Protein backbone atom coordinates (compact mmCIF):
# COMPACT_ATOMS: atom_id res chain seq x y z
CA MET A 1 23.25 0.53 -19.13
CA ALA A 2 26.26 1.75 -19.44
CA ASP A 3 28.18 3.93 -17.17
CA ARG A 4 28.57 6.95 -19.25
CA MET A 5 26.28 9.76 -19.36
CA ILE A 6 23.80 10.33 -21.90
CA ASP A 7 23.35 13.00 -24.60
CA LEU A 8 19.94 12.97 -25.06
CA ASN A 9 20.30 17.24 -26.34
CA ALA A 10 23.27 15.72 -28.73
CA ILE A 11 20.95 13.13 -30.17
CA ALA A 12 17.90 15.96 -30.30
CA ALA A 13 20.07 18.24 -32.39
CA ARG A 14 20.91 15.44 -34.78
CA LEU A 15 17.27 14.32 -35.30
CA ALA A 16 16.50 18.15 -35.61
CA GLU A 17 19.31 18.77 -38.30
CA THR A 18 17.98 15.92 -40.37
CA THR A 19 15.89 16.22 -43.79
CA GLY A 20 12.15 17.29 -42.24
CA ALA A 21 10.62 14.48 -44.78
CA PRO A 22 10.35 10.91 -44.61
CA TRP A 23 12.61 8.99 -46.12
CA GLN A 24 13.64 5.66 -46.62
CA ARG A 25 17.34 4.11 -47.64
CA HIS A 26 16.87 2.23 -51.17
CA GLY A 27 20.81 1.86 -51.64
CA ALA A 28 23.53 4.80 -54.08
CA ASP A 29 22.30 6.80 -56.71
CA VAL A 30 23.88 5.40 -59.64
CA HIS A 31 25.15 8.79 -60.39
CA SER A 32 26.26 9.62 -56.95
CA ALA A 33 27.15 7.37 -53.93
CA ALA A 34 25.27 9.95 -51.76
CA GLY A 35 22.05 9.36 -53.21
CA ILE A 36 19.27 8.89 -50.91
CA LEU A 37 15.47 8.04 -51.98
CA PHE A 38 13.14 10.47 -49.79
CA ARG A 39 9.56 9.38 -50.07
CA GLY A 40 7.60 11.96 -49.24
CA LYS A 41 4.24 11.24 -47.36
CA ASP A 42 2.02 11.50 -50.67
CA GLY A 43 3.91 8.31 -51.88
CA SER A 44 6.06 10.40 -54.15
CA ALA A 45 10.34 9.87 -54.78
CA ALA A 46 13.00 11.83 -55.58
CA ILE A 47 16.64 10.99 -55.60
CA ARG A 48 18.55 13.53 -53.55
CA GLN A 49 21.70 14.19 -52.35
CA GLN A 50 22.65 13.22 -48.95
CA ALA A 51 23.18 16.03 -46.71
CA ASP A 52 25.83 16.32 -44.14
CA ALA A 53 23.15 16.49 -41.55
CA ASP A 54 22.01 13.54 -42.50
CA ALA A 55 25.01 11.26 -42.97
CA ASP A 56 25.94 12.33 -39.34
CA PHE A 57 22.72 11.42 -38.14
CA VAL A 58 22.43 7.70 -39.74
CA ALA A 59 25.94 7.07 -38.25
CA HIS A 60 24.90 8.01 -35.32
CA ALA A 61 21.90 5.86 -35.19
CA PRO A 62 22.82 2.50 -33.81
CA ALA A 63 24.34 4.19 -31.05
CA ASP A 64 21.94 6.59 -30.69
CA VAL A 65 18.85 4.35 -30.26
CA ALA A 66 20.65 1.58 -28.30
CA ASP A 67 21.26 4.95 -25.73
CA LEU A 68 17.70 5.93 -25.72
CA LEU A 69 16.38 2.19 -25.57
CA SER A 70 19.11 2.51 -22.25
CA GLU A 71 17.42 5.29 -20.96
CA ILE A 72 13.95 4.23 -21.64
CA GLU A 73 14.71 1.23 -19.75
CA ARG A 74 16.24 3.10 -17.03
CA LEU A 75 13.35 5.34 -16.30
CA GLN A 76 11.21 2.07 -16.12
CA GLN A 77 12.55 0.81 -13.52
CA ALA A 78 13.13 3.64 -11.38
CA THR A 79 9.54 4.55 -11.58
CA PRO A 80 7.32 2.46 -9.08
CA THR A 81 3.82 0.96 -10.99
CA SER A 82 0.91 1.38 -8.38
CA ALA A 83 -1.27 -1.47 -8.14
CA ALA A 84 -3.87 0.84 -9.74
CA THR A 85 -2.31 1.11 -12.94
CA GLN A 86 -0.98 -2.63 -13.17
CA THR A 87 -3.20 -4.36 -15.25
CA PRO A 88 -5.14 -7.34 -13.67
CA SER A 89 -2.94 -10.57 -14.00
CA ALA A 90 0.01 -8.45 -12.96
CA GLN A 91 -1.85 -7.47 -9.76
CA PRO A 92 -1.40 -9.43 -6.61
CA THR A 93 -4.47 -11.67 -5.12
CA GLY A 94 -5.13 -9.37 -2.34
CA ASP A 95 -5.50 -6.24 -4.52
CA LEU A 96 -7.77 -7.85 -6.84
CA ALA A 97 -10.12 -9.45 -4.01
CA ALA A 98 -10.18 -5.18 -3.23
CA ARG A 99 -10.37 -4.15 -6.64
CA ILE A 100 -13.55 -6.18 -7.55
CA GLY A 101 -15.03 -5.66 -3.88
CA ALA A 102 -15.14 -2.22 -4.98
CA LEU A 103 -16.67 -2.50 -7.91
CA LEU A 104 -19.54 -4.31 -5.96
CA LEU A 105 -19.96 -1.97 -3.52
CA ASP A 106 -20.34 0.90 -5.56
CA ARG A 107 -22.60 -1.19 -8.14
CA GLY A 108 -24.82 -2.64 -5.05
CA GLU A 109 -24.09 -5.93 -6.14
CA GLN A 110 -23.10 -9.61 -4.42
CA MET A 111 -20.22 -11.99 -5.23
CA ALA A 112 -21.04 -15.80 -4.58
CA VAL A 113 -17.44 -18.35 -5.17
CA ALA A 114 -17.53 -22.18 -6.00
CA GLU A 115 -14.47 -23.32 -5.92
CA SER A 116 -12.88 -27.31 -6.26
CA LEU A 117 -9.24 -27.63 -6.20
CA THR A 118 -8.27 -24.23 -4.33
CA GLY A 119 -10.30 -25.90 -0.92
CA GLY A 120 -11.57 -22.48 0.40
CA ARG A 121 -8.43 -20.69 -0.29
CA LEU A 122 -10.41 -18.35 -2.57
CA SER A 123 -12.90 -17.73 -0.70
CA ALA A 124 -10.48 -16.97 2.23
CA GLU A 125 -8.81 -14.46 0.69
CA LEU A 126 -11.44 -12.70 0.05
CA ALA A 127 -13.18 -12.52 3.13
CA ARG A 128 -9.76 -10.82 3.87
CA THR A 129 -10.60 -7.87 2.29
CA GLN A 130 -11.82 -4.62 3.40
CA ASP A 131 -16.03 -4.74 3.96
CA ALA A 132 -16.21 -8.08 2.42
CA SER A 133 -19.60 -8.71 4.68
CA LYS A 134 -21.48 -5.99 2.80
CA TRP A 135 -20.78 -7.63 -0.64
CA LEU A 136 -19.54 -11.29 -0.19
CA ARG A 137 -22.65 -13.84 -0.11
CA GLY A 138 -21.00 -17.13 0.57
CA ALA A 139 -18.57 -20.24 -1.11
CA VAL A 140 -19.37 -23.64 -1.76
CA VAL A 141 -15.92 -25.82 -1.50
CA ALA A 142 -17.16 -28.91 -3.69
CA TYR A 143 -14.14 -30.65 -3.67
CA GLN A 144 -15.78 -34.08 -4.38
CA VAL A 145 -17.96 -34.54 -7.55
CA GLU A 146 -20.43 -36.06 -5.53
CA VAL A 147 -20.87 -32.48 -4.10
CA LYS A 148 -20.73 -30.58 -7.05
CA GLN A 149 -23.16 -32.82 -8.27
CA LYS A 150 -25.50 -32.34 -5.72
CA MET A 151 -24.84 -28.87 -4.48
CA LEU A 152 -24.48 -27.00 -7.66
CA ASP A 153 -25.87 -28.90 -10.32
CA VAL A 154 -23.33 -30.21 -12.18
CA ALA A 155 -24.12 -33.02 -15.01
CA PRO A 156 -22.49 -36.48 -14.33
CA GLY A 157 -19.38 -37.18 -15.86
CA PRO A 158 -15.69 -35.46 -15.75
CA VAL A 159 -15.33 -32.16 -13.68
CA VAL A 160 -12.05 -30.53 -15.07
CA THR A 161 -13.99 -29.38 -17.99
CA ARG A 162 -15.90 -26.01 -19.40
CA SER A 163 -19.02 -27.41 -18.78
CA ALA A 164 -17.90 -28.04 -15.18
CA ALA A 165 -16.95 -24.56 -14.42
CA GLU A 166 -19.55 -23.30 -16.00
CA GLN A 167 -22.44 -25.36 -14.27
CA MET A 168 -20.81 -24.76 -10.66
CA ALA A 169 -20.70 -21.05 -11.34
CA ASP A 170 -24.33 -20.80 -12.65
CA GLY A 171 -25.31 -22.94 -9.85
CA VAL A 172 -23.43 -21.23 -6.50
CA ALA A 173 -24.77 -17.81 -8.44
CA ALA A 174 -28.44 -19.08 -8.16
CA LEU A 175 -27.97 -20.91 -4.79
CA LEU A 176 -26.33 -17.81 -2.93
CA GLY A 177 -28.23 -14.96 -5.00
CA ALA A 178 -25.40 -13.16 -6.21
CA GLU A 179 -24.86 -10.96 -9.45
CA LEU A 180 -21.13 -12.60 -9.76
CA ALA A 181 -19.78 -15.54 -9.56
CA VAL A 182 -16.34 -17.21 -10.19
CA SER A 183 -15.37 -21.48 -10.05
CA VAL A 184 -12.74 -23.29 -10.35
CA THR A 185 -12.18 -26.86 -10.85
CA GLY A 186 -8.85 -28.77 -11.84
CA VAL A 187 -5.80 -30.51 -10.60
CA GLY A 188 -3.64 -29.35 -8.14
CA GLY A 189 -1.38 -32.48 -8.19
CA PRO A 190 1.29 -33.29 -7.54
CA ASP A 191 -0.89 -36.47 -9.50
CA PRO A 192 -2.68 -36.13 -12.51
CA SER A 193 -6.43 -36.63 -12.52
CA GLU A 194 -9.19 -37.47 -14.96
CA GLY A 195 -6.25 -38.03 -17.75
CA GLN A 196 -5.22 -33.96 -16.72
CA PRO A 197 -1.57 -33.21 -15.85
CA ALA A 198 -1.24 -31.01 -12.73
CA GLY A 199 -1.77 -27.66 -13.40
CA THR A 200 -4.76 -27.89 -15.16
CA VAL A 201 -7.61 -26.07 -14.47
CA TRP A 202 -10.74 -24.18 -15.59
CA MET A 203 -12.40 -21.19 -13.98
CA ALA A 204 -15.93 -19.15 -14.79
CA VAL A 205 -17.28 -16.15 -14.42
CA ARG A 206 -20.58 -15.52 -14.06
CA TYR A 207 -21.67 -11.92 -14.32
CA ARG A 208 -25.18 -10.64 -14.63
CA ASP A 209 -26.32 -13.62 -16.43
CA ASN A 210 -23.38 -14.23 -18.47
CA THR A 211 -21.11 -16.90 -18.00
CA VAL A 212 -17.81 -17.21 -19.50
CA ALA A 213 -14.88 -19.68 -18.80
CA GLN A 214 -11.51 -20.43 -19.81
CA LEU A 215 -8.70 -22.84 -19.46
CA VAL A 216 -4.60 -21.83 -17.98
CA HIS A 217 -1.79 -24.54 -17.88
CA LEU A 218 -0.25 -23.80 -14.36
CA SER A 219 2.93 -25.05 -13.15
CA GLY A 220 4.64 -25.64 -9.82
CA GLU A 221 3.85 -27.37 -6.39
CA PRO A 222 0.52 -27.47 -5.53
CA ASP A 223 0.24 -24.66 -3.15
CA ARG A 224 1.86 -22.51 -5.90
CA ILE A 225 -1.14 -24.12 -8.22
CA CYS A 226 -3.71 -23.54 -6.01
CA GLU A 227 -2.28 -19.71 -5.14
CA GLU A 228 -1.82 -18.78 -8.99
CA THR A 229 -5.71 -20.48 -9.47
CA CYS A 230 -6.58 -18.02 -6.97
CA ARG A 231 -5.02 -14.81 -8.36
CA THR A 232 -5.74 -15.90 -12.00
CA VAL A 233 -9.76 -16.45 -11.29
CA LEU A 234 -9.79 -12.65 -9.82
CA ALA A 235 -7.91 -10.95 -12.87
CA PHE A 236 -10.51 -12.50 -15.06
CA ALA A 237 -13.23 -11.80 -12.81
CA LEU A 238 -12.54 -8.13 -12.88
CA GLN A 239 -11.78 -8.46 -16.48
CA ARG A 240 -15.38 -9.58 -16.69
CA MET A 241 -16.60 -6.34 -14.89
CA MET A 242 -14.68 -3.98 -16.10
């Protein structure tokens, strides 16, 4: 942003002095280089002489728009954004966990977790939340395929899939008796698995007997992928609860 002061009053004055009706410039009138086609809201159009104020407004428009955008950017950077007003996907994991917990407490509901690549990290994040003992039923860390199949009724076959994520969420909800269940299964890296590159993660949210899954592709080292998996699935869960 430029160091010079933006004269917002001058910009407002130029706007106020222009012709009030909506208008578009379509080129000069054949009879006058100052002609402008004014198009009204009802679709009518008329060519009129351009007023001096309109010419002044048009001449200053590029600089005025740039100044206004700079001022908007400055105000946005100077205004703190609270966790309550952030979109779920933009919030830290702990804040998302707290919001989910508050909703569950208010609704008298319980939560369960089935996780694979995150190895207990997701349930640990939830357990650190205030009053977690009142709404967190528990978790199944199904790291190996056999555990997914025996504990969560996941069908034989690849587990980095939509169906595996959905079955994990359904299975842990039934096992632990929870209205809300989340699951994550994927490739933490650094090596690929099941023909899928590192960062490929399927996650599912079951809420009140409705299960929805989504695929995400994350990047970074394994620790970063697991961190983003936790944050993303909690944002997904919060969206499903709203």
